[in-house]
Amino acid sequence: ASWGYQGVDGDPATAVRLWTLLTAAGLPDLDRDQREVHRTALGIIE
């Protein structure tokens, strides 16, 4: 719900699969260089 005022639109199963990949890559990680975090996240999403 933090991604928007009305919650997230779309397929919840897709969001879970994508979130699983992001967390497997160690994201979110506030201690990691933010440019590296962005590159990693974009690569996974791509």
All heavy atoms as atom14 arrays in JSON, in Angstrom:
{
  "sequence": "ASWGYQGVDGDPATAVRLWTLLTAAGLPDLDRDQREVHRTALGIIE",
  "atom14_mask": [
    [1, 1, 1, 1, 1, 0, 0, 0, 0, 0, 0, 0, 0, 0],
    [1, 1, 1, 1, 1, 1, 0, 0, 0, 0, 0, 0, 0, 0],
    [1, 1, 1, 1, 1, 1, 1, 1, 1, 1, 1, 1, 1, 1],
    [1, 1, 1, 1, 0, 0, 0, 0, 0, 0, 0, 0, 0, 0],
    [1, 1, 1, 1, 1, 1, 1, 1, 1, 1, 1, 1, 0, 0],
    [1, 1, 1, 1, 1, 1, 1, 1, 1, 0, 0, 0, 0, 0],
    [1, 1, 1, 1, 0, 0, 0, 0, 0, 0, 0, 0, 0, 0],
    [1, 1, 1, 1, 1, 1, 1, 0, 0, 0, 0, 0, 0, 0],
    [1, 1, 1, 1, 1, 1, 1, 1, 0, 0, 0, 0, 0, 0],
    [1, 1, 1, 1, 0, 0, 0, 0, 0, 0, 0, 0, 0, 0],
    [1, 1, 1, 1, 1, 1, 1, 1, 0, 0, 0, 0, 0, 0],
    [1, 1, 1, 1, 1, 1, 1, 0, 0, 0, 0, 0, 0, 0],
    [1, 1, 1, 1, 1, 0, 0, 0, 0, 0, 0, 0, 0, 0],
    [1, 1, 1, 1, 1, 1, 1, 0, 0, 0, 0, 0, 0, 0],
    [1, 1, 1, 1, 1, 0, 0, 0, 0, 0, 0, 0, 0, 0],
    [1, 1, 1, 1, 1, 1, 1, 0, 0, 0, 0, 0, 0, 0],
    [1, 1, 1, 1, 1, 1, 1, 1, 1, 1, 1, 0, 0, 0],
    [1, 1, 1, 1, 1, 1, 1, 1, 0, 0, 0, 0, 0, 0],
    [1, 1, 1, 1, 1, 1, 1, 1, 1, 1, 1, 1, 1, 1],
    [1, 1, 1, 1, 1, 1, 1, 0, 0, 0, 0, 0, 0, 0],
    [1, 1, 1, 1, 1, 1, 1, 1, 0, 0, 0, 0, 0, 0],
    [1, 1, 1, 1, 1, 1, 1, 1, 0, 0, 0, 0, 0, 0],
    [1, 1, 1, 1, 1, 1, 1, 0, 0, 0, 0, 0, 0, 0],
    [1, 1, 1, 1, 1, 0, 0, 0, 0, 0, 0, 0, 0, 0],
    [1, 1, 1, 1, 1, 0, 0, 0, 0, 0, 0, 0, 0, 0],
    [1, 1, 1, 1, 0, 0, 0, 0, 0, 0, 0, 0, 0, 0],
    [1, 1, 1, 1, 1, 1, 1, 1, 0, 0, 0, 0, 0, 0],
    [1, 1, 1, 1, 1, 1, 1, 0, 0, 0, 0, 0, 0, 0],
    [1, 1, 1, 1, 1, 1, 1, 1, 0, 0, 0, 0, 0, 0],
    [1, 1, 1, 1, 1, 1, 1, 1, 0, 0, 0, 0, 0, 0],
    [1, 1, 1, 1, 1, 1, 1, 1, 0, 0, 0, 0, 0, 0],
    [1, 1, 1, 1, 1, 1, 1, 1, 1, 1, 1, 0, 0, 0],
    [1, 1, 1, 1, 1, 1, 1, 1, 0, 0, 0, 0, 0, 0],
    [1, 1, 1, 1, 1, 1, 1, 1, 1, 0, 0, 0, 0, 0],
    [1, 1, 1, 1, 1, 1, 1, 1, 1, 1, 1, 0, 0, 0],
    [1, 1, 1, 1, 1, 1, 1, 1, 1, 0, 0, 0, 0, 0],
    [1, 1, 1, 1, 1, 1, 1, 0, 0, 0, 0, 0, 0, 0],
    [1, 1, 1, 1, 1, 1, 1, 1, 1, 1, 0, 0, 0, 0],
    [1, 1, 1, 1, 1, 1, 1, 1, 1, 1, 1, 0, 0, 0],
    [1, 1, 1, 1, 1, 1, 1, 0, 0, 0, 0, 0, 0, 0],
    [1, 1, 1, 1, 1, 0, 0, 0, 0, 0, 0, 0, 0, 0],
    [1, 1, 1, 1, 1, 1, 1, 1, 0, 0, 0, 0, 0, 0],
    [1, 1, 1, 1, 0, 0, 0, 0, 0, 0, 0, 0, 0, 0],
    [1, 1, 1, 1, 1, 1, 1, 1, 0, 0, 0, 0, 0, 0],
    [1, 1, 1, 1, 1, 1, 1, 1, 0, 0, 0, 0, 0, 0],
    [1, 1, 1, 1, 1, 1, 1, 1, 1, 0, 0, 0, 0, 0]
  ],
  "atom14_positions": [
    [[0.81, -1.22, 0.0], [0.0, 0.0, 0.0], [0.84, 1.28, 0.0], [0.35, 2.34, -0.34], [-0.94, 0.0, 1.2], [0.0, 0.0, 0.0], [0.0, 0.0, 0.0], [0.0, 0.0, 0.0], [0.0, 0.0, 0.0], [0.0, 0.0, 0.0], [0.0, 0.0, 0.0], [0.0, 0.0, 0.0], [0.0, 0.0, 0.0], [0.0, 0.0, 0.0]],
    [[2.1, 1.19, 0.36], [2.94, 2.39, 0.38], [3.28, 2.89, -1.02], [3.8, 3.98, -1.18], [4.24, 2.11, 1.15], [5.06, 1.21, 0.42], [0.0, 0.0, 0.0], [0.0, 0.0, 0.0], [0.0, 0.0, 0.0], [0.0, 0.0, 0.0], [0.0, 0.0, 0.0], [0.0, 0.0, 0.0], [0.0, 0.0, 0.0], [0.0, 0.0, 0.0]],
    [[2.96, 2.1, -2.06], [3.27, 2.51, -3.43], [2.25, 3.47, -3.99], [2.41, 3.97, -5.08], [3.4, 1.28, -4.32], [4.66, 0.55, -4.06], [4.91, -0.29, -3.02], [5.86, 0.59, -4.82], [6.19, -0.79, -3.09], [6.79, -0.26, -4.19], [6.23, 1.24, -5.97], [8.07, -0.46, -4.68], [7.5, 1.04, -6.46], [8.41, 0.21, -5.82]],
    [[1.17, 3.72, -3.32], [0.18, 4.66, -3.83], [-0.96, 4.84, -2.84], [-1.14, 4.06, -1.92], [0.0, 0.0, 0.0], [0.0, 0.0, 0.0], [0.0, 0.0, 0.0], [0.0, 0.0, 0.0], [0.0, 0.0, 0.0], [0.0, 0.0, 0.0], [0.0, 0.0, 0.0], [0.0, 0.0, 0.0], [0.0, 0.0, 0.0], [0.0, 0.0, 0.0]],
    [[-1.71, 5.9, -3.05], [-2.8, 6.2, -2.13], [-3.9, 5.16, -2.17], [-4.56, 4.9, -1.18], [-3.4, 7.57, -2.45], [-2.44, 8.69, -2.23], [-2.0, 9.48, -3.27], [-1.96, 8.96, -0.95], [-1.12, 10.52, -3.06], [-1.07, 9.98, -0.72], [-0.66, 10.77, -1.78], [0.23, 11.79, -1.57], [0.0, 0.0, 0.0], [0.0, 0.0, 0.0]],
    [[-4.14, 4.57, -3.32], [-5.23, 3.62, -3.49], [-4.74, 2.18, -3.45], [-5.47, 1.27, -3.82], [-5.95, 3.88, -4.82], [-6.49, 5.29, -4.96], [-7.5, 5.63, -3.87], [-8.33, 4.81, -3.51], [-7.41, 6.85, -3.35], [0.0, 0.0, 0.0], [0.0, 0.0, 0.0], [0.0, 0.0, 0.0], [0.0, 0.0, 0.0], [0.0, 0.0, 0.0]],
    [[-3.52, 1.93, -3.06], [-2.97, 0.58, -3.08], [-2.37, 0.28, -4.44], [-2.17, 1.16, -5.27], [0.0, 0.0, 0.0], [0.0, 0.0, 0.0], [0.0, 0.0, 0.0], [0.0, 0.0, 0.0], [0.0, 0.0, 0.0], [0.0, 0.0, 0.0], [0.0, 0.0, 0.0], [0.0, 0.0, 0.0], [0.0, 0.0, 0.0], [0.0, 0.0, 0.0]],
    [[-2.1, -0.96, -4.69], [-1.45, -1.37, -5.92], [-2.48, -1.97, -6.86], [-3.28, -2.8, -6.47], [-0.35, -2.42, -5.62], [0.29, -2.91, -6.91], [0.69, -1.82, -4.7], [0.0, 0.0, 0.0], [0.0, 0.0, 0.0], [0.0, 0.0, 0.0], [0.0, 0.0, 0.0], [0.0, 0.0, 0.0], [0.0, 0.0, 0.0], [0.0, 0.0, 0.0]],
    [[-2.47, -1.49, -8.12], [-3.31, -2.09, -9.14], [-2.53, -3.18, -9.83], [-1.32, -3.09, -9.97], [-3.72, -1.04, -10.18], [-4.66, 0.0, -9.62], [-5.41, -0.33, -8.68], [-4.65, 1.13, -10.12], [0.0, 0.0, 0.0], [0.0, 0.0, 0.0], [0.0, 0.0, 0.0], [0.0, 0.0, 0.0], [0.0, 0.0, 0.0], [0.0, 0.0, 0.0]],
    [[-3.21, -4.21, -10.28], [-2.54, -5.26, -11.02], [-2.73, -6.61, -10.38], [-3.52, -6.78, -9.44], [0.0, 0.0, 0.0], [0.0, 0.0, 0.0], [0.0, 0.0, 0.0], [0.0, 0.0, 0.0], [0.0, 0.0, 0.0], [0.0, 0.0, 0.0], [0.0, 0.0, 0.0], [0.0, 0.0, 0.0], [0.0, 0.0, 0.0], [0.0, 0.0, 0.0]],
    [[-2.02, -7.55, -10.9], [-2.13, -8.94, -10.48], [-1.29, -9.17, -9.22], [-0.06, -9.08, -9.26], [-1.65, -9.84, -11.62], [-1.69, -11.32, -11.27], [-2.52, -11.7, -10.42], [-0.9, -12.07, -11.85], [0.0, 0.0, 0.0], [0.0, 0.0, 0.0], [0.0, 0.0, 0.0], [0.0, 0.0, 0.0], [0.0, 0.0, 0.0], [0.0, 0.0, 0.0]],
    [[-1.93, -9.49, -8.1], [-1.18, -9.72, -6.86], [-0.14, -10.84, -6.99], [0.93, -10.76, -6.39], [-2.26, -10.08, -5.84], [-3.51, -9.5, -6.39], [-3.38, -9.56, -7.88], [0.0, 0.0, 0.0], [0.0, 0.0, 0.0], [0.0, 0.0, 0.0], [0.0, 0.0, 0.0], [0.0, 0.0, 0.0], [0.0, 0.0, 0.0], [0.0, 0.0, 0.0]],
    [[-0.44, -11.87, -7.77], [0.51, -12.97, -7.93], [1.78, -12.5, -8.64], [2.88, -12.93, -8.3], [-0.14, -14.12, -8.7], [0.0, 0.0, 0.0], [0.0, 0.0, 0.0], [0.0, 0.0, 0.0], [0.0, 0.0, 0.0], [0.0, 0.0, 0.0], [0.0, 0.0, 0.0], [0.0, 0.0, 0.0], [0.0, 0.0, 0.0], [0.0, 0.0, 0.0]],
    [[1.62, -11.59, -9.6], [2.78, -11.03, -10.29], [3.62, -10.22, -9.32], [4.85, -10.33, -9.31], [2.33, -10.14, -11.47], [1.6, -10.95, -12.39], [3.52, -9.51, -12.19], [0.0, 0.0, 0.0], [0.0, 0.0, 0.0], [0.0, 0.0, 0.0], [0.0, 0.0, 0.0], [0.0, 0.0, 0.0], [0.0, 0.0, 0.0], [0.0, 0.0, 0.0]],
    [[2.98, -9.43, -8.49], [3.69, -8.63, -7.5], [4.48, -9.52, -6.54], [5.62, -9.23, -6.21], [2.72, -7.74, -6.73], [0.0, 0.0, 0.0], [0.0, 0.0, 0.0], [0.0, 0.0, 0.0], [0.0, 0.0, 0.0], [0.0, 0.0, 0.0], [0.0, 0.0, 0.0], [0.0, 0.0, 0.0], [0.0, 0.0, 0.0], [0.0, 0.0, 0.0]],
    [[3.88, -10.62, -6.12], [4.56, -11.55, -5.21], [5.78, -12.17, -5.88], [6.85, -12.26, -5.28], [3.58, -12.65, -4.72], [4.33, -13.77, -4.01], [2.53, -12.05, -3.82], [0.0, 0.0, 0.0], [0.0, 0.0, 0.0], [0.0, 0.0, 0.0], [0.0, 0.0, 0.0], [0.0, 0.0, 0.0], [0.0, 0.0, 0.0], [0.0, 0.0, 0.0]],
    [[5.65, -12.58, -7.14], [6.8, -13.18, -7.85], [7.92, -12.16, -8.02], [9.09, -12.48, -7.82], [6.35, -13.73, -9.21], [5.49, -14.97, -9.11], [5.32, -15.71, -10.43], [5.11, -14.89, -11.6], [3.9, -14.5, -12.07], [2.81, -14.86, -11.44], [3.82, -13.77, -13.15], [0.0, 0.0, 0.0], [0.0, 0.0, 0.0], [0.0, 0.0, 0.0]],
    [[7.58, -10.93, -8.37], [8.6, -9.9, -8.53], [9.24, -9.57, -7.19], [10.46, -9.46, -7.08], [8.0, -8.65, -9.17], [8.96, -7.5, -9.43], [10.14, -7.95, -10.29], [8.24, -6.33, -10.07], [0.0, 0.0, 0.0], [0.0, 0.0, 0.0], [0.0, 0.0, 0.0], [0.0, 0.0, 0.0], [0.0, 0.0, 0.0], [0.0, 0.0, 0.0]],
    [[8.44, -9.43, -6.14], [8.97, -9.15, -4.81], [9.91, -10.26, -4.34], [10.94, -10.0, -3.73], [7.82, -8.97, -3.82], [8.28, -8.54, -2.47], [8.31, -9.29, -1.33], [8.83, -7.27, -2.1], [8.83, -8.57, -0.28], [9.15, -7.32, -0.73], [9.07, -6.1, -2.8], [9.71, -6.24, -0.05], [9.63, -5.03, -2.12], [9.94, -5.11, -0.77]],
    [[9.58, -11.49, -4.67], [10.43, -12.63, -4.32], [11.8, -12.5, -4.97], [12.83, -12.74, -4.33], [9.75, -13.96, -4.72], [8.51, -14.06, -4.03], [10.62, -15.15, -4.39], [0.0, 0.0, 0.0], [0.0, 0.0, 0.0], [0.0, 0.0, 0.0], [0.0, 0.0, 0.0], [0.0, 0.0, 0.0], [0.0, 0.0, 0.0], [0.0, 0.0, 0.0]],
    [[11.83, -12.11, -6.23], [13.11, -11.93, -6.94], [13.91, -10.77, -6.34], [15.13, -10.87, -6.18], [12.86, -11.67, -8.43], [12.27, -12.84, -9.21], [11.88, -12.39, -10.62], [13.26, -13.99, -9.27], [0.0, 0.0, 0.0], [0.0, 0.0, 0.0], [0.0, 0.0, 0.0], [0.0, 0.0, 0.0], [0.0, 0.0, 0.0], [0.0, 0.0, 0.0]],
    [[13.23, -9.68, -6.03], [13.92, -8.53, -5.44], [14.5, -8.86, -4.08], [15.65, -8.52, -3.78], [12.97, -7.33, -5.35], [12.54, -6.72, -6.68], [11.37, -5.76, -6.48], [13.69, -6.03, -7.38], [0.0, 0.0, 0.0], [0.0, 0.0, 0.0], [0.0, 0.0, 0.0], [0.0, 0.0, 0.0], [0.0, 0.0, 0.0], [0.0, 0.0, 0.0]],
    [[13.74, -9.56, -3.25], [14.25, -9.91, -1.93], [15.36, -10.95, -2.02], [16.3, -10.93, -1.22], [13.14, -10.39, -0.98], [12.45, -11.48, -1.57], [12.15, -9.27, -0.68], [0.0, 0.0, 0.0], [0.0, 0.0, 0.0], [0.0, 0.0, 0.0], [0.0, 0.0, 0.0], [0.0, 0.0, 0.0], [0.0, 0.0, 0.0], [0.0, 0.0, 0.0]],
    [[15.29, -11.84, -3.0], [16.37, -12.82, -3.2], [17.68, -12.14, -3.57], [18.76, -12.64, -3.28], [15.97, -13.84, -4.28], [0.0, 0.0, 0.0], [0.0, 0.0, 0.0], [0.0, 0.0, 0.0], [0.0, 0.0, 0.0], [0.0, 0.0, 0.0], [0.0, 0.0, 0.0], [0.0, 0.0, 0.0], [0.0, 0.0, 0.0], [0.0, 0.0, 0.0]],
    [[17.57, -10.96, -4.18], [18.76, -10.18, -4.54], [19.21, -9.29, -3.38], [20.15, -8.5, -3.52], [18.47, -9.32, -5.77], [0.0, 0.0, 0.0], [0.0, 0.0, 0.0], [0.0, 0.0, 0.0], [0.0, 0.0, 0.0], [0.0, 0.0, 0.0], [0.0, 0.0, 0.0], [0.0, 0.0, 0.0], [0.0, 0.0, 0.0], [0.0, 0.0, 0.0]],
    [[18.54, -9.41, -2.23], [18.94, -8.63, -1.06], [18.31, -7.25, -0.99], [18.8, -6.39, -0.26], [0.0, 0.0, 0.0], [0.0, 0.0, 0.0], [0.0, 0.0, 0.0], [0.0, 0.0, 0.0], [0.0, 0.0, 0.0], [0.0, 0.0, 0.0], [0.0, 0.0, 0.0], [0.0, 0.0, 0.0], [0.0, 0.0, 0.0], [0.0, 0.0, 0.0]],
    [[17.25, -7.01, -1.73], [16.6, -5.71, -1.72], [15.32, -5.77, -0.9], [14.67, -6.81, -0.87], [16.27, -5.28, -3.15], [17.47, -5.18, -4.08], [17.02, -4.79, -5.46], [18.51, -4.22, -3.57], [0.0, 0.0, 0.0], [0.0, 0.0, 0.0], [0.0, 0.0, 0.0], [0.0, 0.0, 0.0], [0.0, 0.0, 0.0], [0.0, 0.0, 0.0]],
    [[14.95, -4.71, -0.24], [15.66, -3.45, -0.12], [16.85, -3.59, 0.84], [16.82, -4.41, 1.73], [14.62, -2.5, 0.45], [13.67, -3.36, 1.18], [13.67, -4.69, 0.46], [0.0, 0.0, 0.0], [0.0, 0.0, 0.0], [0.0, 0.0, 0.0], [0.0, 0.0, 0.0], [0.0, 0.0, 0.0], [0.0, 0.0, 0.0], [0.0, 0.0, 0.0]],
    [[17.86, -2.77, 0.61], [19.06, -2.77, 1.44], [19.5, -1.32, 1.63], [20.12, -0.74, 0.74], [20.16, -3.6, 0.79], [21.41, -3.72, 1.66], [21.53, -2.96, 2.64], [22.27, -4.55, 1.33], [0.0, 0.0, 0.0], [0.0, 0.0, 0.0], [0.0, 0.0, 0.0], [0.0, 0.0, 0.0], [0.0, 0.0, 0.0], [0.0, 0.0, 0.0]],
    [[19.17, -0.74, 2.76], [19.47, 0.66, 3.02], [20.96, 0.93, 3.22], [21.39, 2.08, 3.14], [18.68, 1.15, 4.23], [17.15, 1.06, 4.09], [16.48, 1.5, 5.38], [16.67, 1.87, 2.91], [0.0, 0.0, 0.0], [0.0, 0.0, 0.0], [0.0, 0.0, 0.0], [0.0, 0.0, 0.0], [0.0, 0.0, 0.0], [0.0, 0.0, 0.0]],
    [[21.74, -0.11, 3.49], [23.18, 0.06, 3.71], [23.98, -0.04, 2.41], [25.16, 0.31, 2.4], [23.69, -0.99, 4.69], [23.08, -0.82, 6.07], [22.82, 0.34, 6.47], [22.84, -1.84, 6.74], [0.0, 0.0, 0.0], [0.0, 0.0, 0.0], [0.0, 0.0, 0.0], [0.0, 0.0, 0.0], [0.0, 0.0, 0.0], [0.0, 0.0, 0.0]],
    [[23.36, -0.5, 1.36], [24.04, -0.68, 0.08], [24.04, 0.63, -0.7], [23.16, 1.47, -0.53], [23.24, -1.73, -0.71], [24.01, -2.55, -1.66], [23.23, -3.83, -1.89], [23.3, -4.28, -3.25], [22.56, -5.27, -3.73], [21.68, -5.88, -2.97], [22.69, -5.64, -4.97], [0.0, 0.0, 0.0], [0.0, 0.0, 0.0], [0.0, 0.0, 0.0]],
    [[25.03, 0.83, -1.55], [25.1, 2.01, -2.4], [23.81, 2.1, -3.23], [23.41, 1.13, -3.89], [26.32, 1.91, -3.32], [26.39, 3.06, -4.3], [26.63, 4.2, -3.86], [26.16, 2.81, -5.51], [0.0, 0.0, 0.0], [0.0, 0.0, 0.0], [0.0, 0.0, 0.0], [0.0, 0.0, 0.0], [0.0, 0.0, 0.0], [0.0, 0.0, 0.0]],
    [[23.15, 3.24, -3.17], [21.85, 3.4, -3.83], [21.92, 3.25, -5.34], [20.98, 2.76, -5.96], [21.22, 4.73, -3.44], [20.76, 4.76, -1.99], [19.79, 3.62, -1.68], [18.7, 3.54, -2.22], [20.21, 2.71, -0.79], [0.0, 0.0, 0.0], [0.0, 0.0, 0.0], [0.0, 0.0, 0.0], [0.0, 0.0, 0.0], [0.0, 0.0, 0.0]],
    [[23.03, 3.65, -5.96], [23.16, 3.44, -7.42], [23.19, 1.94, -7.73], [22.58, 1.49, -8.7], [24.4, 4.14, -7.95], [24.28, 5.66, -7.92], [25.55, 6.32, -8.4], [25.92, 5.94, -9.75], [25.56, 6.6, -10.85], [24.81, 7.67, -10.75], [25.95, 6.19, -12.03], [0.0, 0.0, 0.0], [0.0, 0.0, 0.0], [0.0, 0.0, 0.0]],
    [[23.87, 1.17, -6.89], [23.91, -0.28, -7.08], [22.52, -0.89, -6.86], [22.09, -1.77, -7.6], [24.91, -0.91, -6.12], [25.02, -2.41, -6.25], [25.93, -3.03, -5.21], [26.77, -2.33, -4.62], [25.78, -4.24, -4.99], [0.0, 0.0, 0.0], [0.0, 0.0, 0.0], [0.0, 0.0, 0.0], [0.0, 0.0, 0.0], [0.0, 0.0, 0.0]],
    [[21.81, -0.4, -5.85], [20.45, -0.89, -5.59], [19.55, -0.61, -6.79], [18.81, -1.48, -7.24], [19.87, -0.22, -4.31], [18.38, -0.49, -4.18], [20.62, -0.71, -3.08], [0.0, 0.0, 0.0], [0.0, 0.0, 0.0], [0.0, 0.0, 0.0], [0.0, 0.0, 0.0], [0.0, 0.0, 0.0], [0.0, 0.0, 0.0], [0.0, 0.0, 0.0]],
    [[19.62, 0.6, -7.33], [18.8, 0.95, -8.49], [19.15, 0.08, -9.69], [18.24, -0.42, -10.38], [18.97, 2.42, -8.85], [18.35, 3.33, -7.85], [18.81, 4.61, -7.63], [17.31, 3.17, -7.0], [18.08, 5.18, -6.69], [17.17, 4.32, -6.29], [0.0, 0.0, 0.0], [0.0, 0.0, 0.0], [0.0, 0.0, 0.0], [0.0, 0.0, 0.0]],
    [[20.43, -0.11, -9.95], [20.84, -0.95, -11.08], [20.35, -2.39, -10.91], [19.87, -3.01, -11.84], [22.36, -0.94, -11.25], [22.86, 0.27, -11.97], [24.34, 0.12, -12.32], [24.97, 1.38, -12.0], [25.87, 1.57, -11.05], [26.31, 0.56, -10.35], [26.36, 2.75, -10.83], [0.0, 0.0, 0.0], [0.0, 0.0, 0.0], [0.0, 0.0, 0.0]],
    [[20.49, -2.91, -9.7], [20.05, -4.28, -9.42], [18.55, -4.4, -9.61], [18.07, -5.33, -10.27], [20.45, -4.7, -7.99], [21.88, -4.6, -7.86], [20.0, -6.11, -7.68], [0.0, 0.0, 0.0], [0.0, 0.0, 0.0], [0.0, 0.0, 0.0], [0.0, 0.0, 0.0], [0.0, 0.0, 0.0], [0.0, 0.0, 0.0], [0.0, 0.0, 0.0]],
    [[17.8, -3.48, -9.02], [16.34, -3.52, -9.14], [15.89, -3.4, -10.59], [15.03, -4.15, -11.06], [15.71, -2.42, -8.3], [0.0, 0.0, 0.0], [0.0, 0.0, 0.0], [0.0, 0.0, 0.0], [0.0, 0.0, 0.0], [0.0, 0.0, 0.0], [0.0, 0.0, 0.0], [0.0, 0.0, 0.0], [0.0, 0.0, 0.0], [0.0, 0.0, 0.0]],
    [[16.48, -2.46, -11.33], [16.11, -2.3, -12.73], [16.45, -3.53, -13.55], [15.69, -3.93, -14.44], [16.78, -1.06, -13.32], [16.19, 0.27, -12.87], [17.04, 1.42, -13.38], [14.75, 0.42, -13.31], [0.0, 0.0, 0.0], [0.0, 0.0, 0.0], [0.0, 0.0, 0.0], [0.0, 0.0, 0.0], [0.0, 0.0, 0.0], [0.0, 0.0, 0.0]],
    [[17.58, -4.16, -13.26], [17.96, -5.39, -13.96], [16.95, -6.51, -13.72], [16.58, -7.24, -14.65], [0.0, 0.0, 0.0], [0.0, 0.0, 0.0], [0.0, 0.0, 0.0], [0.0, 0.0, 0.0], [0.0, 0.0, 0.0], [0.0, 0.0, 0.0], [0.0, 0.0, 0.0], [0.0, 0.0, 0.0], [0.0, 0.0, 0.0], [0.0, 0.0, 0.0]],
    [[16.51, -6.63, -12.49], [15.53, -7.67, -12.15], [14.2, -7.38, -12.84], [13.58, -8.27, -13.43], [15.36, -7.77, -10.62], [16.63, -8.34, -10.0], [14.13, -8.6, -10.25], [16.7, -8.22, -8.5], [0.0, 0.0, 0.0], [0.0, 0.0, 0.0], [0.0, 0.0, 0.0], [0.0, 0.0, 0.0], [0.0, 0.0, 0.0], [0.0, 0.0, 0.0]],
    [[13.76, -6.14, -12.79], [12.5, -5.75, -13.42], [12.58, -5.92, -14.93], [11.64, -6.41, -15.56], [12.14, -4.3, -13.04], [11.81, -4.25, -11.55], [10.99, -3.77, -13.89], [11.76, -2.86, -10.97], [0.0, 0.0, 0.0], [0.0, 0.0, 0.0], [0.0, 0.0, 0.0], [0.0, 0.0, 0.0], [0.0, 0.0, 0.0], [0.0, 0.0, 0.0]],
    [[13.72, -5.53, -15.52], [13.94, -5.69, -16.96], [13.79, -7.15, -17.37], [13.05, -7.48, -18.31], [15.33, -5.18, -17.32], [15.7, -5.35, -18.77], [17.11, -4.87, -19.04], [17.98, -5.0, -18.17], [17.34, -4.37, -20.16], [0.0, 0.0, 0.0], [0.0, 0.0, 0.0], [0.0, 0.0, 0.0], [0.0, 0.0, 0.0], [0.0, 0.0, 0.0]]
  ]
}
